[in-house]
Amino acid sequence: MLIRSSQIYAVYHIHARQPAWRPPTDVYETETELVVQIEIAGMRDGHFHLSVQDRMLIVHGSRADGTPERRAYHQMEVNSGDFWTEIELPIPVEAASARAEYDDGFLRINLPKVS
């Protein structure tokens, strides 16, 4: 019997933790600060963990998958579970004065430049 690839659908039910994934990230500089913007919809303010170590910004957290039932995916592009991103900061920043805000699915981190 010939089975076309369009007829084969695996049912995924994951019991083990998935490896961390990396959300899309922009890094840009203004006159006074370095800005890191991370696209990560479906989160809540305060569900992120941020740290600056030397010249490395580390952002991690976990985005819940709202429906735990078994499913047969036809296409899967929206990640869930643990995420982790490390960004090498291209300039020195004042980490103690950093500000972070989450709005409309974007986490924006403002890092003032060292004067």
C-alpha atoms as a PDB file:
ATOM      1  CA  MET A   1       0.000   0.000   0.000  1.00  0.00           C
ATOM      2  CA  LEU A   2       1.352   3.450  -0.945  1.00  0.00           C
ATOM      3  CA  ILE A   3       1.028   6.131   1.713  1.00  0.00           C
ATOM      4  CA  ARG A   4       1.480   9.751   0.684  1.00  0.00           C
ATOM      5  CA  SER A   5       3.380  12.015   3.054  1.00  0.00           C
ATOM      6  CA  SER A   6       0.268  14.200   3.327  1.00  0.00           C
ATOM      7  CA  GLN A   7      -1.532  11.236   4.898  1.00  0.00           C
ATOM      8  CA  ILE A   8       1.013  10.663   7.644  1.00  0.00           C
ATOM      9  CA  TYR A   9       0.395  12.635  10.823  1.00  0.00           C
ATOM     10  CA  ALA A  10       2.242  11.845  14.007  1.00  0.00           C
ATOM     11  CA  VAL A  11       0.510  12.373  17.302  1.00  0.00           C
ATOM     12  CA  TYR A  12       2.847  14.081  19.717  1.00  0.00           C
ATOM     13  CA  HIS A  13       2.505  13.735  23.435  1.00  0.00           C
ATOM     14  CA  ILE A  14       5.666  14.925  25.095  1.00  0.00           C
ATOM     15  CA  HIS A  15       6.533  13.702  28.562  1.00  0.00           C
ATOM     16  CA  ALA A  16      10.137  14.919  28.776  1.00  0.00           C
ATOM     17  CA  ARG A  17      11.193  18.561  28.868  1.00  0.00           C
ATOM     18  CA  GLN A  18      12.056  20.059  25.527  1.00  0.00           C
ATOM     19  CA  PRO A  19      15.375  21.810  25.031  1.00  0.00           C
ATOM     20  CA  ALA A  20      15.195  25.587  25.450  1.00  0.00           C
ATOM     21  CA  TRP A  21      14.307  27.575  22.339  1.00  0.00           C
ATOM     22  CA  ARG A  22      15.391  31.097  21.370  1.00  0.00           C
ATOM     23  CA  PRO A  23      12.814  33.824  20.633  1.00  0.00           C
ATOM     24  CA  PRO A  24      13.420  36.378  17.832  1.00  0.00           C
ATOM     25  CA  THR A  25      15.530  39.251  19.170  1.00  0.00           C
ATOM     26  CA  ASP A  26      16.583  42.715  17.975  1.00  0.00           C
ATOM     27  CA  VAL A  27      19.492  44.648  19.465  1.00  0.00           C
ATOM     28  CA  TYR A  28      19.994  48.309  18.591  1.00  0.00           C
ATOM     29  CA  GLU A  29      21.677  51.396  19.924  1.00  0.00           C
ATOM     30  CA  THR A  30      20.380  54.933  20.474  1.00  0.00           C
ATOM     31  CA  GLU A  31      22.406  57.951  21.578  1.00  0.00           C
ATOM     32  CA  THR A  32      22.010  57.081  25.266  1.00  0.00           C
ATOM     33  CA  GLU A  33      21.261  53.364  25.535  1.00  0.00           C
ATOM     34  CA  LEU A  34      21.413  49.875  24.125  1.00  0.00           C
ATOM     35  CA  VAL A  35      17.960  48.397  23.496  1.00  0.00           C
ATOM     36  CA  VAL A  36      17.143  44.688  23.329  1.00  0.00           C
ATOM     37  CA  GLN A  37      13.679  43.799  22.049  1.00  0.00           C
ATOM     38  CA  ILE A  38      12.459  40.208  22.255  1.00  0.00           C
ATOM     39  CA  GLU A  39       9.296  39.002  20.541  1.00  0.00           C
ATOM     40  CA  ILE A  40       7.573  36.591  22.909  1.00  0.00           C
ATOM     41  CA  ALA A  41       3.786  36.685  22.904  1.00  0.00           C
ATOM     42  CA  GLY A  42       1.664  34.943  25.500  1.00  0.00           C
ATOM     43  CA  MET A  43       3.727  35.885  28.541  1.00  0.00           C
ATOM     44  CA  ARG A  44       2.993  38.060  31.541  1.00  0.00           C
ATOM     45  CA  ASP A  45       5.073  40.885  32.936  1.00  0.00           C
ATOM     46  CA  GLY A  46       7.297  39.420  35.640  1.00  0.00           C
ATOM     47  CA  HIS A  47       7.594  35.948  34.079  1.00  0.00           C
ATOM     48  CA  PHE A  48      11.042  36.703  32.713  1.00  0.00           C
ATOM     49  CA  HIS A  49      14.415  36.262  34.371  1.00  0.00           C
ATOM     50  CA  LEU A  50      17.068  38.790  33.330  1.00  0.00           C
ATOM     51  CA  SER A  51      20.712  39.065  34.303  1.00  0.00           C
ATOM     52  CA  VAL A  52      23.822  40.806  33.016  1.00  0.00           C
ATOM     53  CA  GLN A  53      27.135  39.065  33.580  1.00  0.00           C
ATOM     54  CA  ASP A  54      30.162  40.937  32.263  1.00  0.00           C
ATOM     55  CA  ARG A  55      29.041  41.869  28.723  1.00  0.00           C
ATOM     56  CA  MET A  56      26.427  39.116  28.395  1.00  0.00           C
ATOM     57  CA  LEU A  57      22.672  39.658  28.801  1.00  0.00           C
ATOM     58  CA  ILE A  58      20.817  36.467  29.691  1.00  0.00           C
ATOM     59  CA  VAL A  59      17.022  36.276  29.364  1.00  0.00           C
ATOM     60  CA  HIS A  60      15.088  33.116  30.162  1.00  0.00           C
ATOM     61  CA  GLY A  61      11.677  31.901  31.220  1.00  0.00           C
ATOM     62  CA  SER A  62       8.965  29.502  30.181  1.00  0.00           C
ATOM     63  CA  ARG A  63       5.912  29.951  27.972  1.00  0.00           C
ATOM     64  CA  ALA A  64       3.088  27.576  28.846  1.00  0.00           C
ATOM     65  CA  ASP A  65       1.311  25.520  26.225  1.00  0.00           C
ATOM     66  CA  GLY A  66      -2.315  26.246  27.037  1.00  0.00           C
ATOM     67  CA  THR A  67      -3.707  22.918  25.862  1.00  0.00           C
ATOM     68  CA  PRO A  68      -2.128  19.767  27.304  1.00  0.00           C
ATOM     69  CA  GLU A  69      -4.233  17.258  25.318  1.00  0.00           C
ATOM     70  CA  ARG A  70      -2.843  15.067  22.559  1.00  0.00           C
ATOM     71  CA  ARG A  71      -2.800  16.645  19.123  1.00  0.00           C
ATOM     72  CA  ALA A  72      -1.917  15.790  15.566  1.00  0.00           C
ATOM     73  CA  TYR A  73       0.108  18.712  14.211  1.00  0.00           C
ATOM     74  CA  HIS A  74      -0.044  19.597  10.548  1.00  0.00           C
ATOM     75  CA  GLN A  75       2.317  22.524  11.070  1.00  0.00           C
ATOM     76  CA  MET A  76       4.129  23.600  14.222  1.00  0.00           C
ATOM     77  CA  GLU A  77       5.956  26.920  14.478  1.00  0.00           C
ATOM     78  CA  VAL A  78       4.851  28.372  17.828  1.00  0.00           C
ATOM     79  CA  ASN A  79       7.285  27.299  20.513  1.00  0.00           C
ATOM     80  CA  SER A  80       6.336  26.662  24.103  1.00  0.00           C
ATOM     81  CA  GLY A  81       8.227  25.520  27.145  1.00  0.00           C
ATOM     82  CA  ASP A  82      11.557  26.893  28.335  1.00  0.00           C
ATOM     83  CA  PHE A  83      13.273  29.628  26.359  1.00  0.00           C
ATOM     84  CA  TRP A  84      16.777  31.002  26.786  1.00  0.00           C
ATOM     85  CA  THR A  85      18.730  33.668  24.979  1.00  0.00           C
ATOM     86  CA  GLU A  86      22.201  35.057  25.572  1.00  0.00           C
ATOM     87  CA  ILE A  87      23.127  38.331  23.922  1.00  0.00           C
ATOM     88  CA  GLU A  88      26.697  39.563  23.839  1.00  0.00           C
ATOM     89  CA  LEU A  89      26.450  43.280  24.503  1.00  0.00           C
ATOM     90  CA  PRO A  90      28.484  45.203  21.907  1.00  0.00           C
ATOM     91  CA  ILE A  91      29.158  48.167  24.243  1.00  0.00           C
ATOM     92  CA  PRO A  92      29.604  48.670  28.000  1.00  0.00           C
ATOM     93  CA  VAL A  93      26.296  49.342  29.800  1.00  0.00           C
ATOM     94  CA  GLU A  94      25.189  50.323  33.293  1.00  0.00           C
ATOM     95  CA  ALA A  95      23.465  47.059  34.225  1.00  0.00           C
ATOM     96  CA  ALA A  96      22.255  48.392  37.593  1.00  0.00           C
ATOM     97  CA  SER A  97      20.187  51.048  35.763  1.00  0.00           C
ATOM     98  CA  ALA A  98      18.569  48.665  33.275  1.00  0.00           C
ATOM     99  CA  ARG A  99      14.797  48.859  32.741  1.00  0.00           C
ATOM    100  CA  ALA A 100      12.570  46.145  31.289  1.00  0.00           C
ATOM    101  CA  GLU A 101       8.971  46.407  30.093  1.00  0.00           C
ATOM    102  CA  TYR A 102       6.658  43.828  28.541  1.00  0.00           C
ATOM    103  CA  ASP A 103       3.910  45.128  26.263  1.00  0.00           C
ATOM    104  CA  ASP A 104       1.948  43.717  23.291  1.00  0.00           C
ATOM    105  CA  GLY A 105       4.054  40.551  23.083  1.00  0.00           C
ATOM    106  CA  PHE A 106       7.432  42.310  23.193  1.00  0.00           C
ATOM    107  CA  LEU A 107       9.930  42.403  26.043  1.00  0.00           C
ATOM    108  CA  ARG A 108      11.956  45.607  25.735  1.00  0.00           C
ATOM    109  CA  ILE A 109      15.123  45.973  27.824  1.00  0.00           C
ATOM    110  CA  ASN A 110      16.759  49.415  27.971  1.00  0.00           C
ATOM    111  CA  LEU A 111      20.391  49.377  29.081  1.00  0.00           C
ATOM    112  CA  PRO A 112      21.970  52.835  29.601  1.00  0.00           C
ATOM    113  CA  LYS A 113      25.401  53.270  28.032  1.00  0.00           C
ATOM    114  CA  VAL A 114      28.379  53.804  30.307  1.00  0.00           C
ATOM    115  CA  SER A 115      29.151  57.544  30.294  1.00  0.00           C
END
